[in-house]
Amino acid sequence: MRLLWHLVVPLNRPIIVTLVLITVVTHWNSFMWPMVITSGPEWRVITVATSAPQSQYNNNWTLVMAGTTLAMRRW
């Protein structure tokens, strides 16, 4: 176990960081799963909530971008 921790892990650190980054970005950009699993508008995540005016108001990109800007300002 000591050999693994002191030799293998440091050599594989770039691979581990890359895997973590790809996983985080994949889950951050997830759209379909939160849309399927949420039960109502009060449980929506930011990606689903900012896309709601797009279908509701016939692709009104002004509202979508305003909602995205407000969501980014909150975080």
C-alpha atoms as a PDB file:
ATOM      1  CA  MET A   1       0.000   0.000   0.000  1.00  0.00           C
ATOM      2  CA  ARG A   2       2.881   2.347   0.769  1.00  0.00           C
ATOM      3  CA  LEU A   3       4.420   1.662  -2.654  1.00  0.00           C
ATOM      4  CA  LEU A   4       1.096   2.426  -4.297  1.00  0.00           C
ATOM      5  CA  TRP A   5       0.666   5.701  -2.404  1.00  0.00           C
ATOM      6  CA  HIS A   6       4.226   6.981  -2.816  1.00  0.00           C
ATOM      7  CA  LEU A   7       5.026   5.773  -6.334  1.00  0.00           C
ATOM      8  CA  VAL A   8       1.959   5.011  -8.424  1.00  0.00           C
ATOM      9  CA  VAL A   9      -0.324   7.850  -7.309  1.00  0.00           C
ATOM     10  CA  PRO A  10       2.222  10.653  -7.922  1.00  0.00           C
ATOM     11  CA  LEU A  11       3.014   9.266 -11.365  1.00  0.00           C
ATOM     12  CA  ASN A  12      -0.664   9.104 -12.262  1.00  0.00           C
ATOM     13  CA  ARG A  13      -1.637  12.497 -10.848  1.00  0.00           C
ATOM     14  CA  PRO A  14      -2.201  14.142 -14.297  1.00  0.00           C
ATOM     15  CA  ILE A  15      -4.417  11.252 -15.340  1.00  0.00           C
ATOM     16  CA  ILE A  16      -6.429  11.474 -12.128  1.00  0.00           C
ATOM     17  CA  VAL A  17      -6.856  15.261 -12.470  1.00  0.00           C
ATOM     18  CA  THR A  18      -7.971  14.893 -16.097  1.00  0.00           C
ATOM     19  CA  LEU A  19     -10.493  12.223 -15.163  1.00  0.00           C
ATOM     20  CA  VAL A  20     -11.887  14.375 -12.345  1.00  0.00           C
ATOM     21  CA  LEU A  21     -12.196  17.427 -14.625  1.00  0.00           C
ATOM     22  CA  ILE A  22     -13.960  15.489 -17.376  1.00  0.00           C
ATOM     23  CA  THR A  23     -16.348  13.937 -14.854  1.00  0.00           C
ATOM     24  CA  VAL A  24     -17.165  17.289 -13.246  1.00  0.00           C
ATOM     25  CA  VAL A  25     -17.792  18.988 -16.605  1.00  0.00           C
ATOM     26  CA  THR A  26     -19.958  16.088 -17.775  1.00  0.00           C
ATOM     27  CA  HIS A  27     -22.142  16.234 -14.676  1.00  0.00           C
ATOM     28  CA  TRP A  28     -22.202  20.045 -14.680  1.00  0.00           C
ATOM     29  CA  ASN A  29     -23.482  20.112 -18.257  1.00  0.00           C
ATOM     30  CA  SER A  30     -26.008  17.367 -17.643  1.00  0.00           C
ATOM     31  CA  PHE A  31     -29.380  18.457 -18.931  1.00  0.00           C
ATOM     32  CA  MET A  32     -31.610  15.449 -19.505  1.00  0.00           C
ATOM     33  CA  TRP A  33     -31.148  13.698 -16.162  1.00  0.00           C
ATOM     34  CA  PRO A  34     -32.129  16.714 -13.974  1.00  0.00           C
ATOM     35  CA  MET A  35     -35.019  17.424 -16.305  1.00  0.00           C
ATOM     36  CA  VAL A  36     -36.301  13.844 -15.970  1.00  0.00           C
ATOM     37  CA  ILE A  37     -35.790  13.472 -12.223  1.00  0.00           C
ATOM     38  CA  THR A  38     -37.177  16.801 -10.976  1.00  0.00           C
ATOM     39  CA  SER A  39     -40.837  16.802 -10.102  1.00  0.00           C
ATOM     40  CA  GLY A  40     -41.713  20.466 -10.488  1.00  0.00           C
ATOM     41  CA  PRO A  41     -40.455  23.977 -11.227  1.00  0.00           C
ATOM     42  CA  GLU A  42     -39.322  24.592  -7.644  1.00  0.00           C
ATOM     43  CA  TRP A  43     -36.762  21.735  -7.899  1.00  0.00           C
ATOM     44  CA  ARG A  44     -35.202  22.711 -11.231  1.00  0.00           C
ATOM     45  CA  VAL A  45     -31.451  23.066 -11.517  1.00  0.00           C
ATOM     46  CA  ILE A  46     -29.906  26.095 -13.229  1.00  0.00           C
ATOM     47  CA  THR A  47     -29.395  24.428 -16.620  1.00  0.00           C
ATOM     48  CA  VAL A  48     -33.025  23.327 -16.844  1.00  0.00           C
ATOM     49  CA  ALA A  49     -34.441  26.559 -15.406  1.00  0.00           C
ATOM     50  CA  THR A  50     -32.560  28.808 -17.835  1.00  0.00           C
ATOM     51  CA  SER A  51     -33.718  26.754 -20.800  1.00  0.00           C
ATOM     52  CA  ALA A  52     -37.408  26.965 -19.807  1.00  0.00           C
ATOM     53  CA  PRO A  53     -38.090  30.363 -21.486  1.00  0.00           C
ATOM     54  CA  GLN A  54     -36.558  29.014 -24.680  1.00  0.00           C
ATOM     55  CA  SER A  55     -39.406  26.589 -25.309  1.00  0.00           C
ATOM     56  CA  GLN A  56     -42.085  28.581 -23.515  1.00  0.00           C
ATOM     57  CA  TYR A  57     -41.645  31.820 -25.469  1.00  0.00           C
ATOM     58  CA  ASN A  58     -40.633  30.452 -28.877  1.00  0.00           C
ATOM     59  CA  ASN A  59     -36.851  30.737 -28.588  1.00  0.00           C
ATOM     60  CA  ASN A  60     -36.688  34.200 -27.072  1.00  0.00           C
ATOM     61  CA  TRP A  61     -32.920  34.287 -26.613  1.00  0.00           C
ATOM     62  CA  THR A  62     -33.080  37.610 -24.784  1.00  0.00           C
ATOM     63  CA  LEU A  63     -34.926  35.981 -21.881  1.00  0.00           C
ATOM     64  CA  VAL A  64     -32.677  32.928 -21.927  1.00  0.00           C
ATOM     65  CA  MET A  65     -29.504  35.047 -21.780  1.00  0.00           C
ATOM     66  CA  ALA A  66     -30.978  37.298 -19.064  1.00  0.00           C
ATOM     67  CA  GLY A  67     -31.839  34.253 -16.961  1.00  0.00           C
ATOM     68  CA  THR A  68     -28.388  32.764 -17.499  1.00  0.00           C
ATOM     69  CA  THR A  69     -26.746  36.043 -16.485  1.00  0.00           C
ATOM     70  CA  LEU A  70     -28.847  36.254 -13.321  1.00  0.00           C
ATOM     71  CA  ALA A  71     -28.065  32.615 -12.491  1.00  0.00           C
ATOM     72  CA  MET A  72     -24.337  33.254 -12.905  1.00  0.00           C
ATOM     73  CA  ARG A  73     -24.491  36.388 -10.755  1.00  0.00           C
ATOM     74  CA  ARG A  74     -26.108  34.441  -7.944  1.00  0.00           C
ATOM     75  CA  TRP A  75     -23.206  31.997  -7.682  1.00  0.00           C
END
